[in-house]
N, C-alpha and C. Protein backbone atom coordinates (compact mmCIF):
# COMPACT_ATOMS: atom_id res chain seq x y z
N MET A 1 50.31 39.82 0.14
CA MET A 1 51.28 40.84 0.42
C MET A 1 52.36 40.85 -0.67
N LEU A 2 52.73 39.67 -1.14
CA LEU A 2 53.74 39.58 -2.18
C LEU A 2 53.26 40.23 -3.47
N GLU A 3 51.96 40.07 -3.76
CA GLU A 3 51.39 40.69 -4.97
C GLU A 3 51.46 42.20 -4.88
N LEU A 4 51.20 42.75 -3.69
CA LEU A 4 51.26 44.19 -3.49
C LEU A 4 52.69 44.69 -3.70
N SER A 5 53.67 43.98 -3.16
CA SER A 5 55.07 44.37 -3.33
C SER A 5 55.47 44.34 -4.80
N ALA A 6 55.05 43.29 -5.50
CA ALA A 6 55.37 43.18 -6.92
C ALA A 6 54.69 44.29 -7.71
N SER A 7 53.47 44.61 -7.32
CA SER A 7 52.73 45.67 -8.00
C SER A 7 53.40 47.03 -7.78
N LEU A 8 53.82 47.29 -6.56
CA LEU A 8 54.51 48.55 -6.26
C LEU A 8 55.84 48.64 -7.00
N PHE A 9 56.58 47.52 -7.03
CA PHE A 9 57.84 47.50 -7.75
C PHE A 9 57.62 47.74 -9.23
N GLY A 10 56.63 47.09 -9.80
CA GLY A 10 56.33 47.25 -11.22
C GLY A 10 55.92 48.67 -11.55
N GLY A 11 55.11 49.27 -10.69
CA GLY A 11 54.69 50.65 -10.91
C GLY A 11 55.86 51.62 -10.83
N THR A 12 56.72 51.43 -9.83
CA THR A 12 57.89 52.29 -9.68
C THR A 12 58.85 52.10 -10.85
N PHE A 13 59.04 50.86 -11.24
CA PHE A 13 59.92 50.58 -12.39
C PHE A 13 59.39 51.25 -13.64
N GLY A 14 58.08 51.19 -13.84
CA GLY A 14 57.46 51.83 -15.01
C GLY A 14 57.65 53.33 -14.99
N LEU A 15 57.50 53.95 -13.82
CA LEU A 15 57.69 55.39 -13.70
C LEU A 15 59.14 55.78 -14.02
N VAL A 16 60.08 55.04 -13.46
CA VAL A 16 61.50 55.34 -13.69
C VAL A 16 61.85 55.12 -15.16
N LEU A 17 61.36 54.05 -15.75
CA LEU A 17 61.62 53.79 -17.17
C LEU A 17 61.04 54.92 -18.03
N GLY A 18 59.83 55.36 -17.71
CA GLY A 18 59.23 56.47 -18.44
C GLY A 18 60.06 57.73 -18.33
N LEU A 19 60.60 57.98 -17.15
CA LEU A 19 61.44 59.15 -16.92
C LEU A 19 62.72 59.07 -17.75
N ILE A 20 63.31 57.90 -17.82
CA ILE A 20 64.52 57.70 -18.62
C ILE A 20 64.22 57.94 -20.10
N LEU A 21 63.12 57.40 -20.59
CA LEU A 21 62.76 57.58 -22.00
C LEU A 21 62.47 59.05 -22.30
N GLN A 22 61.80 59.75 -21.38
CA GLN A 22 61.56 61.18 -21.57
C GLN A 22 62.89 61.93 -21.61
N GLY A 23 63.81 61.54 -20.77
CA GLY A 23 65.14 62.18 -20.75
C GLY A 23 65.87 61.98 -22.05
N ARG A 24 65.78 60.80 -22.61
CA ARG A 24 66.44 60.55 -23.91
C ARG A 24 65.83 61.38 -25.03
N ALA A 25 64.51 61.47 -25.03
CA ALA A 25 63.84 62.29 -26.05
C ALA A 25 64.20 63.75 -25.88
N PHE A 26 64.30 64.19 -24.64
CA PHE A 26 64.68 65.58 -24.35
C PHE A 26 66.10 65.85 -24.83
N ALA A 27 67.01 64.92 -24.59
CA ALA A 27 68.39 65.07 -25.05
C ALA A 27 68.45 65.15 -26.57
N ALA A 28 67.63 64.38 -27.25
CA ALA A 28 67.61 64.42 -28.72
C ALA A 28 67.12 65.78 -29.21
N ARG A 29 66.14 66.35 -28.52
CA ARG A 29 65.65 67.69 -28.89
C ARG A 29 66.74 68.74 -28.69
N ILE A 30 67.48 68.63 -27.59
CA ILE A 30 68.57 69.57 -27.32
C ILE A 30 69.62 69.46 -28.42
N GLU A 31 69.96 68.24 -28.81
CA GLU A 31 70.95 68.03 -29.88
C GLU A 31 70.47 68.67 -31.18
N LYS A 32 69.20 68.54 -31.49
CA LYS A 32 68.64 69.12 -32.72
C LYS A 32 68.77 70.65 -32.70
N VAL A 33 68.42 71.26 -31.58
CA VAL A 33 68.52 72.71 -31.47
C VAL A 33 69.99 73.15 -31.55
N ARG A 34 70.88 72.38 -30.93
CA ARG A 34 72.31 72.71 -31.00
C ARG A 34 72.80 72.70 -32.43
N LYS A 35 72.43 71.66 -33.18
CA LYS A 35 72.86 71.57 -34.58
C LYS A 35 72.29 72.72 -35.41
N GLU A 36 71.01 73.05 -35.18
CA GLU A 36 70.39 74.16 -35.92
C GLU A 36 71.08 75.48 -35.58
N THR A 37 71.46 75.64 -34.32
CA THR A 37 72.16 76.86 -33.89
C THR A 37 73.53 76.94 -34.55
N GLU A 38 74.25 75.84 -34.56
CA GLU A 38 75.58 75.83 -35.19
C GLU A 38 75.47 76.14 -36.68
N GLU A 39 74.46 75.58 -37.33
CA GLU A 39 74.26 75.82 -38.76
C GLU A 39 73.93 77.29 -39.02
N ALA A 40 73.04 77.85 -38.22
CA ALA A 40 72.67 79.26 -38.38
C ALA A 40 73.87 80.16 -38.14
N TRP A 41 74.68 79.80 -37.16
CA TRP A 41 75.87 80.59 -36.83
C TRP A 41 76.89 80.53 -37.96
N SER A 42 77.12 79.34 -38.48
CA SER A 42 78.13 79.20 -39.54
C SER A 42 77.71 79.91 -40.82
N ARG A 43 76.40 79.94 -41.07
CA ARG A 43 75.90 80.63 -42.27
C ARG A 43 75.59 82.11 -42.00
N GLN A 44 75.71 82.48 -40.76
CA GLN A 44 75.35 83.83 -40.31
C GLN A 44 73.92 84.18 -40.73
N ASP A 45 73.04 83.21 -40.50
CA ASP A 45 71.63 83.36 -40.83
C ASP A 45 70.89 83.81 -39.58
N TRP A 46 70.94 85.11 -39.32
CA TRP A 46 70.38 85.67 -38.10
C TRP A 46 68.85 85.62 -38.10
N SER A 47 68.24 85.39 -39.24
CA SER A 47 66.77 85.32 -39.29
C SER A 47 66.24 84.09 -38.55
N LYS A 48 67.09 83.11 -38.30
CA LYS A 48 66.65 81.90 -37.59
C LYS A 48 66.69 82.07 -36.07
N LEU A 49 67.28 83.17 -35.60
CA LEU A 49 67.42 83.35 -34.16
C LEU A 49 66.07 83.38 -33.42
N PRO A 50 65.06 84.07 -33.92
CA PRO A 50 63.77 84.03 -33.19
C PRO A 50 63.17 82.62 -33.11
N ILE A 51 63.34 81.85 -34.16
CA ILE A 51 62.84 80.47 -34.16
C ILE A 51 63.59 79.63 -33.13
N LEU A 52 64.92 79.79 -33.11
CA LEU A 52 65.73 79.05 -32.15
C LEU A 52 65.42 79.48 -30.72
N ALA A 53 65.20 80.78 -30.52
CA ALA A 53 64.85 81.27 -29.18
C ALA A 53 63.54 80.66 -28.71
N ALA A 54 62.56 80.55 -29.59
CA ALA A 54 61.28 79.94 -29.24
C ALA A 54 61.46 78.46 -28.90
N GLU A 55 62.31 77.78 -29.66
CA GLU A 55 62.57 76.36 -29.37
C GLU A 55 63.25 76.21 -28.01
N LEU A 56 64.19 77.11 -27.71
CA LEU A 56 64.87 77.06 -26.42
C LEU A 56 63.91 77.35 -25.27
N GLU A 57 62.97 78.24 -25.48
CA GLU A 57 61.97 78.53 -24.45
C GLU A 57 61.13 77.28 -24.17
N GLY A 58 60.75 76.58 -25.24
CA GLY A 58 60.01 75.33 -25.07
C GLY A 58 60.83 74.28 -24.34
N LEU A 59 62.12 74.19 -24.67
CA LEU A 59 63.00 73.24 -23.98
C LEU A 59 63.12 73.58 -22.50
N GLU A 60 63.21 74.87 -22.20
CA GLU A 60 63.31 75.28 -20.80
C GLU A 60 62.07 74.84 -20.02
N LYS A 61 60.89 75.07 -20.57
CA LYS A 61 59.65 74.67 -19.91
C LYS A 61 59.59 73.15 -19.73
N ASP A 62 59.98 72.42 -20.78
CA ASP A 62 59.96 70.96 -20.70
C ASP A 62 60.98 70.44 -19.68
N ALA A 63 62.14 71.11 -19.59
CA ALA A 63 63.16 70.70 -18.62
C ALA A 63 62.63 70.87 -17.20
N LYS A 64 61.97 71.99 -16.94
CA LYS A 64 61.42 72.21 -15.61
C LYS A 64 60.36 71.17 -15.28
N SER A 65 59.55 70.81 -16.25
CA SER A 65 58.53 69.79 -16.05
C SER A 65 59.17 68.43 -15.78
N LEU A 66 60.19 68.09 -16.55
CA LEU A 66 60.88 66.81 -16.38
C LEU A 66 61.55 66.73 -15.02
N ILE A 67 62.16 67.82 -14.58
CA ILE A 67 62.80 67.84 -13.27
C ILE A 67 61.75 67.68 -12.17
N GLY A 68 60.63 68.35 -12.32
CA GLY A 68 59.56 68.21 -11.34
C GLY A 68 59.05 66.78 -11.25
N GLN A 69 58.89 66.14 -12.40
CA GLN A 69 58.45 64.75 -12.42
C GLN A 69 59.46 63.85 -11.73
N ALA A 70 60.74 64.08 -12.03
CA ALA A 70 61.80 63.26 -11.43
C ALA A 70 61.81 63.43 -9.91
N GLN A 71 61.64 64.66 -9.46
CA GLN A 71 61.64 64.91 -8.02
C GLN A 71 60.46 64.22 -7.34
N ARG A 72 59.29 64.27 -7.96
CA ARG A 72 58.14 63.61 -7.37
C ARG A 72 58.31 62.09 -7.36
N ILE A 73 58.83 61.53 -8.45
CA ILE A 73 59.00 60.08 -8.54
C ILE A 73 60.06 59.60 -7.56
N LEU A 74 61.15 60.34 -7.45
CA LEU A 74 62.26 59.91 -6.61
C LEU A 74 62.12 60.38 -5.16
N GLY A 75 61.04 61.11 -4.87
CA GLY A 75 60.77 61.48 -3.50
C GLY A 75 61.53 62.70 -3.01
N GLY A 76 62.07 63.47 -3.93
CA GLY A 76 62.82 64.66 -3.53
C GLY A 76 61.94 65.85 -3.36
N ARG A 77 62.56 67.01 -3.37
CA ARG A 77 61.82 68.27 -3.25
C ARG A 77 60.91 68.42 -4.47
N GLY A 78 59.95 69.30 -4.38
CA GLY A 78 59.08 69.56 -5.51
C GLY A 78 57.69 68.99 -5.35
N ARG A 79 57.43 68.38 -4.22
CA ARG A 79 56.08 67.87 -3.98
C ARG A 79 55.15 69.01 -3.60
N GLY A 80 53.87 68.79 -3.90
CA GLY A 80 52.88 69.74 -3.43
C GLY A 80 52.56 70.70 -4.41
């Protein structure tokens, strides 16, 4: 029984750690897009707007996926 508890704890810990690492990578991507947006704005380089919009669309999809994963791992809404 103790082995099962340790195994469940290890699995849950691994899932939470993975979620934290995904969150950090996601934050780094957001920072990159923010800096690119600020640079395009300061240079008034409007040709970069479609590229930035596409990157933001990808971030939005990834954010929804990350939230769904967090909800499933933490037992909140979003199951099923």
